[in-house]
Amino acid sequence: MTTASLQAVHIIGGGLAGSEAAWQLAEHGVPVTLHEMRPLRATAAHKTDGYAELVCSNSFRSDDKDHNAVGLLHEEMRRLGSLVMRAADANQVPAGGALAVDRDGFSAAVTAALAGHPLITLERGEISIPPDEWDSVIIATGPLTSPDLAATIRSLTGEDALAFFDAIAPIVHRDSIDLDQAWFQSRYDKVGPGGSGADYINCPMSRDQYDAFINALIAGDKTTFHEWEASTPYFDGCLPIEVMAERGRETLRHGPMKPFGLTNPRTPDEKPYAVVQLRQDNKLGTLFNMVGFQTKLKHGEQVRVFRTIPGLQNAEFARLGGLHRNTFLNSPKLLDDTLRLKANPRWRFAGQITGCEGYVESASIGLLTGRFAAAERRGDAIVTPPPTTAHGALLAHITGGHIETIDAGPSSFQPMNVNFGLFPPLTEKVAYDKDGRKFGRGSAKNLARKTAMSERALEDLARWIGGQAAAAAAE
């Protein structure tokens, strides 16, 4: 079957998942029409009309493929020809052991690649109800799905989507940070992609300063929710800092403000009680974001409270924190194992709306959805990735990870970042050096286990890729 004879697949949503799905379809010889409602209809979080715009952090998190599940997911995506990872690697900024990107350069690279592909047509405009003549549709509208399309989905599925709040961290101008009090260092001096081991700006706090900061957070004036938002739960992986503070005074000190692995060079014998970290946000190094400081404090309160942090007393903010509502499907109940809507198999879903959490996870599900739709369009057999791979483990969580509790209702299924807990356990014991030193918070045994799981994943991925290529050649 030639490309010219294939009907286009329609994708709704030009975020990371939609952009990646479009790229995979086109690279597999299937025409695509990618629909994006911005700038004709804005969202509460987006600022530009670019594809794959990053609306929260600029970090894709750890790039360690041997010991971290998200780093493994990065590597798998690279081996699968991911556009998102190609653009991320080309626009990386220093971030210790993490892969962080210049957000504008990243979006521009994705946008240019999509616009330049001969099999991709870009169309602007909101799609509320996909027309019946569209026999293959991927909905990748993410956490900010338009109300009209959300209503259509609810009508078709017969139930409400779940929702949670996802907060945005502030960004600070680098030249307004007082480096007579703060210092550059990555946790445990770890060197990552494009990094030097001294990539974060660290602002130390004494116990008295930390206690005063917690008091200010708890007492600070917060955003008032609309009535329709009041019952929406938070996602535990992205809690506002004031919500964490309310859960316990030491919570932040063991979360985003943990002092472990950091030493103030001015007082090397005196460990800080807590540390606020800032990570480079653009290639020029002029902007730094406050790591883990997503917040629902009102803007005036943010300026007042955050300027009590040592080193940030004169901070100038390029962007203050905010809060938006995310929506996602009860996917184990509503989607099949190739991400098609059971009630209407013409529709597939991709990205955060499926119940994955995180930039890379969203893009990876877009990658799979694009490949599944391409195989279907070409008449090839669809083979899902092994559950021992990062892609397969995440897909299994979305489409069946909570199947045993499905009768408990939508609340039994929650968003999830990729992690080794989603992978099938190893079938053999792993040998390791019992006298091996600890690395960060990981023991030698735990690191060896993660290495073995990563090696197994990449071996199984290679076999899956080889099988896909052989099947396509046979067709």
Protein backbone atom coordinates (compact mmCIF):
# COMPACT_ATOMS: atom_id res chain seq x y z
CA MET A 1 0.00 0.00 0.00
CA THR A 2 1.49 3.35 -1.05
CA THR A 3 1.48 6.55 1.00
CA ALA A 4 -0.58 8.30 -1.67
CA SER A 5 -3.43 5.82 -1.20
CA LEU A 6 -3.62 6.18 2.58
CA GLN A 7 -6.23 8.41 4.21
CA ALA A 8 -4.92 10.89 6.77
CA VAL A 9 -5.10 10.24 10.51
CA HIS A 10 -6.40 13.28 12.43
CA ILE A 11 -4.74 14.34 15.70
CA ILE A 12 -6.39 16.83 18.04
CA GLY A 13 -3.87 18.66 20.22
CA GLY A 14 -0.39 19.98 19.44
CA GLY A 15 1.29 19.36 22.80
CA LEU A 16 4.09 16.89 23.40
CA ALA A 17 1.91 13.80 22.91
CA GLY A 18 0.14 15.07 19.79
CA SER A 19 3.36 16.30 18.23
CA GLU A 20 5.12 12.99 18.88
CA ALA A 21 2.16 10.97 17.57
CA ALA A 22 2.12 13.03 14.38
CA TRP A 23 5.84 12.53 13.85
CA GLN A 24 5.64 8.77 14.34
CA LEU A 25 2.74 8.44 11.91
CA ALA A 26 4.50 10.51 9.26
CA GLU A 27 7.81 8.70 9.71
CA HIS A 28 5.93 5.44 9.14
CA GLY A 29 4.52 6.72 5.87
CA VAL A 30 1.02 7.72 7.01
CA PRO A 31 -0.37 11.22 6.26
CA VAL A 32 -1.40 13.28 9.29
CA THR A 33 -3.52 16.34 9.93
CA LEU A 34 -2.57 17.88 13.27
CA HIS A 35 -5.22 20.21 14.76
CA GLU A 36 -4.25 22.78 17.41
CA MET A 37 -6.78 25.30 18.77
CA ARG A 38 -4.17 27.85 19.91
CA PRO A 39 -3.96 30.79 19.23
CA LEU A 40 -7.62 30.95 18.13
CA ARG A 41 -8.61 29.67 21.56
CA ALA A 42 -6.23 30.20 24.47
CA THR A 43 -5.75 28.08 27.61
CA ALA A 44 -5.11 29.07 31.21
CA ALA A 45 -1.48 27.93 31.09
CA HIS A 46 -0.09 28.32 27.56
CA LYS A 47 1.67 31.55 26.54
CA THR A 48 2.52 30.90 22.86
CA ASP A 49 1.07 29.20 19.80
CA GLY A 50 4.07 26.86 19.44
CA TYR A 51 3.77 23.11 19.31
CA ALA A 52 4.99 21.12 22.33
CA GLU A 53 5.08 24.24 24.54
CA LEU A 54 6.30 23.46 28.06
CA VAL A 55 3.86 25.10 30.47
CA CYS A 56 5.39 23.99 33.78
CA SER A 57 8.97 22.93 34.52
CA ASN A 58 11.65 22.88 31.81
CA SER A 59 13.05 19.60 33.13
CA PHE A 60 12.59 16.15 31.60
CA ARG A 61 13.99 14.83 34.90
CA SER A 62 16.79 12.27 35.24
CA ASP A 63 18.71 11.20 32.14
CA ASP A 64 20.32 8.23 33.93
CA LYS A 65 19.25 5.24 31.83
CA ASP A 66 20.93 2.73 34.13
CA HIS A 67 19.39 3.64 37.49
CA ASN A 68 16.30 5.73 36.82
CA ALA A 69 13.07 4.70 35.07
CA VAL A 70 12.52 8.08 33.40
CA GLY A 71 16.13 8.08 32.15
CA LEU A 72 15.45 4.62 30.73
CA LEU A 73 12.32 5.99 29.06
CA HIS A 74 14.47 8.75 27.50
CA GLU A 75 16.81 6.13 26.03
CA GLU A 76 13.98 3.98 24.70
CA MET A 77 12.41 7.00 23.02
CA ARG A 78 15.72 7.91 21.39
CA ARG A 79 15.99 4.38 19.99
CA LEU A 80 12.42 4.65 18.69
CA GLY A 81 13.15 7.84 16.74
CA SER A 82 11.39 10.30 19.05
CA LEU A 83 11.07 13.87 17.80
CA VAL A 84 10.57 15.14 21.36
CA MET A 85 13.85 13.61 22.53
CA ARG A 86 15.70 14.85 19.43
CA ALA A 87 14.52 18.39 20.15
CA ALA A 88 15.29 18.05 23.87
CA ASP A 89 18.84 16.83 23.27
CA ALA A 90 19.44 19.68 20.81
CA ASN A 91 18.21 22.31 23.30
CA GLN A 92 19.52 21.03 26.63
CA VAL A 93 20.72 23.35 29.38
CA PRO A 94 22.90 22.39 32.39
CA ALA A 95 20.88 20.63 35.11
CA GLY A 96 23.10 18.22 37.02
CA GLY A 97 21.90 14.66 36.43
CA ALA A 98 18.69 15.83 34.76
CA LEU A 99 17.85 16.64 31.15
CA ALA A 100 16.48 20.19 31.13
CA VAL A 101 15.83 22.29 28.04
CA ASP A 102 15.56 25.84 26.80
CA ARG A 103 11.77 25.86 26.58
CA ASP A 104 11.52 28.30 23.64
CA GLY A 105 14.22 26.57 21.60
CA PHE A 106 12.67 23.18 22.29
CA SER A 107 9.20 24.22 21.12
CA ALA A 108 10.64 25.99 18.08
CA ALA A 109 12.55 22.83 17.07
CA VAL A 110 9.45 20.64 17.33
CA THR A 111 7.34 23.19 15.45
CA ALA A 112 9.87 23.48 12.62
CA ALA A 113 10.16 19.70 12.26
CA LEU A 114 6.40 19.24 12.06
CA ALA A 115 5.95 22.11 9.60
CA GLY A 116 8.72 20.76 7.39
CA HIS A 117 7.49 17.16 7.10
CA PRO A 118 5.77 16.49 3.74
CA LEU A 119 3.20 14.12 5.28
CA ILE A 120 2.09 16.46 8.09
CA THR A 121 -0.59 19.12 7.60
CA LEU A 122 -0.97 21.67 10.41
CA GLU A 123 -4.41 23.19 10.96
CA ARG A 124 -5.46 25.76 13.56
CA GLY A 125 -8.89 25.66 15.14
CA GLU A 126 -10.86 23.99 17.92
CA ILE A 127 -12.40 20.58 17.28
CA SER A 128 -15.37 19.91 19.56
CA ILE A 129 -16.74 16.81 17.86
CA PRO A 130 -14.54 14.86 15.43
CA PRO A 131 -16.57 14.38 12.21
CA ASP A 132 -17.84 10.88 11.45
CA GLU A 133 -15.81 10.77 8.23
CA TRP A 134 -12.60 10.84 10.29
CA ASP A 135 -12.16 7.09 10.67
CA SER A 136 -8.95 7.37 12.72
CA VAL A 137 -8.58 10.09 15.34
CA ILE A 138 -6.02 10.60 18.12
CA ILE A 139 -7.14 12.88 20.93
CA ALA A 140 -4.08 14.35 22.64
CA THR A 141 -5.63 17.43 24.20
CA GLY A 142 -3.91 16.89 27.52
CA PRO A 143 -4.83 18.35 30.88
CA LEU A 144 -6.38 21.46 29.34
CA THR A 145 -8.93 19.81 27.07
CA SER A 146 -11.45 22.36 25.83
CA PRO A 147 -14.82 22.27 27.65
CA ASP A 148 -16.74 21.39 24.48
CA LEU A 149 -14.54 18.42 23.61
CA ALA A 150 -14.54 17.28 27.24
CA ALA A 151 -18.35 17.33 27.19
CA THR A 152 -18.34 15.22 24.02
CA ILE A 153 -16.02 12.67 25.66
CA ARG A 154 -18.19 12.52 28.78
CA SER A 155 -21.29 12.02 26.68
CA LEU A 156 -19.70 9.15 24.78
CA THR A 157 -18.20 7.38 27.80
CA GLY A 158 -21.15 7.89 30.08
CA GLU A 159 -19.07 9.14 33.00
CA ASP A 160 -17.09 12.16 34.13
CA ALA A 161 -13.36 12.39 33.64
CA LEU A 162 -11.23 12.59 36.75
CA ALA A 163 -9.37 15.77 37.56
CA PHE A 164 -6.58 17.10 39.76
CA PHE A 165 -4.68 20.35 40.17
CA ASP A 166 -1.21 20.84 38.70
CA ALA A 167 0.71 23.92 39.83
CA ILE A 168 3.39 26.01 38.08
CA ALA A 169 6.67 27.02 39.76
CA PRO A 170 8.04 30.59 39.61
CA ILE A 171 11.01 31.64 37.43
CA VAL A 172 13.63 34.09 38.74
CA HIS A 173 16.02 36.37 36.83
CA ARG A 174 19.55 35.03 37.43
CA ASP A 175 21.13 38.45 37.98
CA SER A 176 18.73 39.19 40.86
CA ILE A 177 19.97 36.22 42.92
CA ASP A 178 22.51 37.05 45.66
CA LEU A 179 25.43 34.65 45.16
CA ASP A 180 27.13 36.01 48.26
CA GLN A 181 24.59 33.89 50.13
CA ALA A 182 23.73 31.19 47.54
CA TRP A 183 26.13 28.87 45.72
CA PHE A 184 26.29 26.62 42.66
CA GLN A 185 26.26 22.84 43.23
CA SER A 186 24.39 19.77 41.98
CA ARG A 187 23.22 17.32 44.62
CA TYR A 188 26.11 14.96 45.43
CA ASP A 189 28.07 16.90 42.75
CA LYS A 190 26.43 14.72 40.10
CA VAL A 191 27.33 15.52 36.49
CA GLY A 192 24.56 15.06 33.93
CA PRO A 193 23.94 15.89 30.23
CA GLY A 194 25.49 19.25 29.47
CA GLY A 195 26.25 19.74 33.17
CA SER A 196 29.33 20.27 35.30
CA GLY A 197 28.25 19.00 38.72
CA ALA A 198 27.58 22.58 39.82
CA ASP A 199 24.39 23.34 37.94
CA TYR A 200 21.86 24.37 40.60
CA ILE A 201 21.79 27.57 42.61
CA ASN A 202 21.34 26.65 46.28
CA CYS A 203 19.83 28.96 48.90
CA PRO A 204 20.51 27.74 52.47
CA MET A 205 18.21 28.11 55.47
CA SER A 206 18.86 27.80 59.18
CA ARG A 207 16.26 26.13 61.37
CA ASP A 208 14.85 29.49 62.47
CA GLN A 209 14.64 30.71 58.87
CA TYR A 210 12.93 27.47 57.81
CA ASP A 211 10.38 27.68 60.63
CA ALA A 212 9.56 31.29 59.73
CA PHE A 213 9.21 30.31 56.07
CA ILE A 214 6.80 27.47 56.90
CA ASN A 215 4.72 29.83 59.02
CA ALA A 216 4.55 32.32 56.15
CA LEU A 217 3.52 29.63 53.66
CA ILE A 218 0.72 28.35 55.84
CA ALA A 219 -0.55 31.85 56.65
CA GLY A 220 -0.15 33.23 53.10
CA ASP A 221 -3.14 34.39 51.05
CA LYS A 222 -4.04 31.65 48.56
CA THR A 223 -5.95 31.43 45.32
CA THR A 224 -9.70 31.10 45.78
CA PHE A 225 -11.10 28.20 43.80
CA HIS A 226 -14.22 28.31 41.69
CA GLU A 227 -17.11 26.18 42.89
CA TRP A 228 -16.49 23.63 40.11
CA GLU A 229 -12.84 23.26 41.23
CA ALA A 230 -13.45 22.83 44.94
CA SER A 231 -13.58 19.02 45.02
CA THR A 232 -10.67 18.42 42.62
CA PRO A 233 -7.85 16.42 44.27
CA TYR A 234 -4.14 17.19 43.88
CA PHE A 235 -1.68 14.82 42.21
CA ASP A 236 0.84 13.84 44.90
CA GLY A 237 3.77 14.18 42.50
CA CYS A 238 3.11 17.90 41.99
CA LEU A 239 1.72 19.25 45.26
CA PRO A 240 1.81 23.02 45.90
CA ILE A 241 4.44 23.77 48.53
CA GLU A 242 1.92 25.29 50.91
CA VAL A 243 -0.15 22.09 50.75
CA MET A 244 2.99 20.09 51.60
CA ALA A 245 3.71 22.46 54.49
CA GLU A 246 0.19 21.99 55.82
CA ARG A 247 0.72 18.21 55.82
CA GLY A 248 3.63 18.51 58.25
CA ARG A 249 6.28 21.08 59.15
CA GLU A 250 9.15 18.79 58.11
CA THR A 251 7.57 17.66 54.82
CA LEU A 252 9.32 20.28 52.67
CA ARG A 253 12.66 19.64 54.37
CA HIS A 254 12.41 16.03 53.22
CA GLY A 255 11.01 16.98 49.80
CA PRO A 256 12.00 19.85 47.48
CA MET A 257 13.93 21.66 50.27
CA LYS A 258 16.00 18.68 51.41
CA PRO A 259 19.59 19.66 52.30
CA PHE A 260 21.14 16.24 51.64
CA GLY A 261 24.10 16.01 49.26
CA LEU A 262 24.74 19.77 49.44
CA THR A 263 27.55 21.63 51.23
CA ASN A 264 27.76 25.40 51.57
CA PRO A 265 31.39 26.22 50.65
CA ARG A 266 31.36 29.20 53.03
CA THR A 267 30.43 27.02 56.02
CA PRO A 268 31.51 23.47 55.07
CA ASP A 269 31.33 22.25 58.67
CA GLU A 270 27.83 23.59 59.24
CA LYS A 271 25.11 21.81 57.30
CA PRO A 272 22.10 23.93 56.29
CA TYR A 273 18.80 22.88 57.85
CA ALA A 274 17.01 23.24 54.48
CA VAL A 275 17.95 24.31 50.94
CA VAL A 276 15.94 25.91 48.15
CA GLN A 277 17.29 24.92 44.71
CA LEU A 278 16.95 26.85 41.45
CA ARG A 279 17.57 25.22 38.07
CA GLN A 280 18.61 26.93 34.82
CA ASP A 281 15.54 27.52 32.64
CA ASN A 282 16.97 28.83 29.36
CA LYS A 283 20.14 28.39 27.29
CA LEU A 284 21.38 31.88 28.03
CA GLY A 285 21.39 31.08 31.74
CA THR A 286 19.48 34.29 32.51
CA LEU A 287 16.44 32.54 34.04
CA PHE A 288 16.28 29.99 36.86
CA ASN A 289 13.17 28.19 38.10
CA MET A 290 12.49 27.34 41.75
CA VAL A 291 12.63 23.55 41.84
CA GLY A 292 9.52 21.96 43.31
CA PHE A 293 8.01 25.34 44.22
CA GLN A 294 4.69 24.97 42.43
CA THR A 295 2.23 27.09 44.37
CA LYS A 296 -1.30 28.45 44.66
CA LEU A 297 -0.23 31.51 46.67
CA LYS A 298 -1.50 34.77 45.21
CA HIS A 299 1.11 36.63 43.19
CA GLY A 300 1.72 39.38 45.75
CA GLU A 301 2.16 36.77 48.50
CA GLN A 302 4.64 34.83 46.36
CA VAL A 303 6.88 37.86 46.01
CA ARG A 304 6.67 38.64 49.72
CA VAL A 305 7.20 35.09 51.00
CA PHE A 306 9.85 33.95 48.49
CA ARG A 307 11.95 37.06 49.12
CA THR A 308 12.43 35.84 52.71
CA ILE A 309 14.60 33.02 51.30
CA PRO A 310 18.33 33.81 51.77
CA GLY A 311 19.75 34.79 48.39
CA LEU A 312 16.35 35.75 46.99
CA GLN A 313 15.75 38.89 49.05
CA ASN A 314 16.01 40.99 45.88
CA ALA A 315 14.60 38.39 43.49
CA GLU A 316 12.95 39.61 40.31
CA PHE A 317 10.43 37.16 38.89
CA ALA A 318 10.08 36.50 35.15
CA ARG A 319 7.01 34.41 35.93
CA LEU A 320 5.14 33.78 39.14
CA GLY A 321 3.53 30.49 40.06
CA GLY A 322 0.03 29.53 39.06
CA LEU A 323 -2.49 26.73 39.19
CA HIS A 324 -4.49 24.92 36.56
CA ARG A 325 -6.85 21.97 36.52
CA ASN A 326 -5.88 18.72 34.81
CA THR A 327 -8.32 16.15 33.51
CA PHE A 328 -7.76 12.51 32.66
CA LEU A 329 -9.75 9.43 31.74
CA ASN A 330 -10.49 6.33 33.78
CA SER A 331 -8.33 4.63 31.18
CA PRO A 332 -8.31 1.00 32.42
CA LYS A 333 -12.08 1.00 32.06
CA LEU A 334 -12.42 3.10 28.92
CA LEU A 335 -9.41 2.23 26.71
CA ASP A 336 -8.21 -1.02 25.13
CA ASP A 337 -4.58 -2.14 25.12
CA THR A 338 -3.79 -0.07 22.01
CA LEU A 339 -5.32 3.07 23.58
CA ARG A 340 -8.55 2.99 21.54
CA LEU A 341 -11.78 4.12 23.18
CA LYS A 342 -13.84 0.98 23.67
CA ALA A 343 -17.07 2.89 23.11
CA ASN A 344 -15.77 4.27 19.79
CA PRO A 345 -12.69 2.46 18.38
CA ARG A 346 -12.22 5.23 15.78
CA TRP A 347 -10.76 7.31 18.60
CA ARG A 348 -7.43 6.80 20.34
CA PHE A 349 -6.11 8.84 23.23
CA ALA A 350 -2.55 9.97 23.98
CA GLY A 351 -0.65 11.90 26.63
CA GLN A 352 -1.73 13.16 30.04
CA ILE A 353 -5.43 12.71 29.32
CA THR A 354 -4.79 8.94 29.51
CA GLY A 355 -3.59 9.17 33.11
CA CYS A 356 0.17 9.33 32.76
CA GLU A 357 2.02 12.19 34.46
CA GLY A 358 5.05 14.09 33.18
CA TYR A 359 6.38 15.51 29.94
CA VAL A 360 8.32 12.44 28.88
CA GLU A 361 5.59 10.00 29.85
CA SER A 362 3.04 12.00 27.84
CA ALA A 363 5.30 12.09 24.80
CA SER A 364 6.04 8.37 25.06
CA ILE A 365 2.35 7.51 25.05
CA GLY A 366 1.98 9.80 22.03
CA LEU A 367 4.80 7.85 20.41
CA LEU A 368 3.02 4.54 21.01
CA THR A 369 -0.36 5.87 19.89
CA GLY A 370 1.16 7.16 16.66
CA ARG A 371 2.81 3.81 15.97
CA PHE A 372 -0.37 1.88 16.75
CA ALA A 373 -2.44 4.12 14.46
CA ALA A 374 0.17 3.83 11.69
CA ALA A 375 0.19 0.04 11.86
CA GLU A 376 -3.61 -0.01 11.81
CA ARG A 377 -3.76 2.34 8.83
CA ARG A 378 -1.20 0.29 6.88
CA GLY A 379 -2.92 -2.99 7.70
CA ASP A 380 -0.01 -4.28 9.81
CA ALA A 381 -0.43 -6.31 12.98
CA ILE A 382 -0.25 -4.22 16.16
CA VAL A 383 2.16 -5.63 18.72
CA THR A 384 2.40 -3.77 22.03
CA PRO A 385 5.85 -3.31 23.64
CA PRO A 386 6.87 -5.87 26.28
CA PRO A 387 5.87 -4.88 29.85
CA THR A 388 9.54 -5.23 30.81
CA THR A 389 10.29 -2.05 28.84
CA ALA A 390 9.56 1.43 30.15
CA HIS A 391 7.04 1.99 27.36
CA GLY A 392 5.34 -1.33 28.02
CA ALA A 393 5.25 -0.82 31.79
CA LEU A 394 3.66 2.62 31.43
CA LEU A 395 1.16 1.34 28.86
CA ALA A 396 0.22 -1.55 31.16
CA HIS A 397 -0.43 0.89 34.02
CA ILE A 398 -2.68 3.04 31.85
CA THR A 399 -4.66 0.27 30.19
CA GLY A 400 -4.72 -2.40 32.87
CA GLY A 401 -2.69 -1.50 35.91
CA HIS A 402 -5.79 -0.95 38.04
CA ILE A 403 -8.10 -3.47 36.43
CA GLU A 404 -8.49 -5.37 39.68
CA THR A 405 -10.06 -2.33 41.36
CA ILE A 406 -12.09 -1.12 38.43
CA ASP A 407 -15.39 -1.70 40.21
CA ALA A 408 -14.32 0.73 42.90
CA GLY A 409 -14.96 3.58 40.47
CA PRO A 410 -12.83 6.26 38.80
CA SER A 411 -11.02 7.25 41.99
CA SER A 412 -9.12 3.94 42.01
CA PHE A 413 -7.07 5.05 38.99
CA GLN A 414 -4.58 7.88 39.51
CA PRO A 415 -1.92 9.60 37.36
CA MET A 416 1.50 7.98 37.51
CA ASN A 417 5.05 8.88 36.57
CA VAL A 418 7.08 6.04 35.12
CA ASN A 419 8.94 4.16 37.87
CA PHE A 420 10.49 0.74 38.38
CA GLY A 421 7.53 -0.25 40.54
CA LEU A 422 5.50 -0.55 37.30
CA PHE A 423 7.92 -3.12 35.83
CA PRO A 424 7.60 -6.90 36.26
CA PRO A 425 10.08 -8.09 38.91
CA LEU A 426 13.33 -9.72 37.88
CA THR A 427 13.16 -13.49 37.66
CA GLU A 428 16.73 -14.02 38.85
CA LYS A 429 18.68 -12.68 41.80
CA VAL A 430 21.11 -9.90 41.00
CA ALA A 431 24.73 -10.13 42.07
CA TYR A 432 26.18 -7.02 43.66
CA ASP A 433 29.12 -5.85 45.75
CA LYS A 434 27.91 -6.00 49.34
CA ASP A 435 30.69 -3.61 50.32
CA GLY A 436 29.76 -1.20 47.54
CA ARG A 437 29.37 2.38 48.68
CA LYS A 438 26.04 4.12 48.80
CA PHE A 439 25.34 6.51 45.96
CA GLY A 440 22.95 9.22 47.10
CA ARG A 441 20.07 7.36 48.72
CA GLY A 442 20.57 4.14 46.72
CA SER A 443 22.32 1.10 48.12
CA ALA A 444 24.60 -1.08 45.97
CA LYS A 445 21.91 -3.78 45.91
CA ASN A 446 19.20 -1.37 44.79
CA LEU A 447 21.39 0.17 42.09
CA ALA A 448 22.32 -3.29 40.80
CA ARG A 449 18.64 -4.23 40.62
CA LYS A 450 17.80 -1.09 38.66
CA THR A 451 20.72 -1.67 36.30
CA ALA A 452 19.52 -5.22 35.64
CA MET A 453 15.97 -4.02 34.95
CA SER A 454 17.28 -1.36 32.57
CA GLU A 455 19.48 -3.84 30.71
CA ARG A 456 16.55 -6.24 30.40
CA ALA A 457 14.34 -3.43 29.12
CA LEU A 458 16.73 -2.33 26.38
CA GLU A 459 17.34 -5.92 25.27
CA ASP A 460 13.58 -6.58 25.07
CA LEU A 461 13.04 -3.25 23.30
CA ALA A 462 15.62 -4.20 20.67
CA ARG A 463 13.82 -7.49 20.05
CA TRP A 464 10.47 -5.67 19.81
CA ILE A 465 11.89 -3.15 17.32
CA GLY A 466 13.42 -5.99 15.32
CA GLY A 467 10.14 -7.87 15.29
CA GLN A 468 8.27 -4.78 14.11
CA ALA A 469 10.77 -4.22 11.31
CA ALA A 470 10.59 -7.88 10.21
CA ALA A 471 6.79 -7.82 10.17
CA ALA A 472 6.75 -4.64 8.09
CA ALA A 473 9.24 -6.14 5.62
CA ALA A 474 7.12 -9.28 5.29
CA GLU A 475 4.01 -7.19 4.57
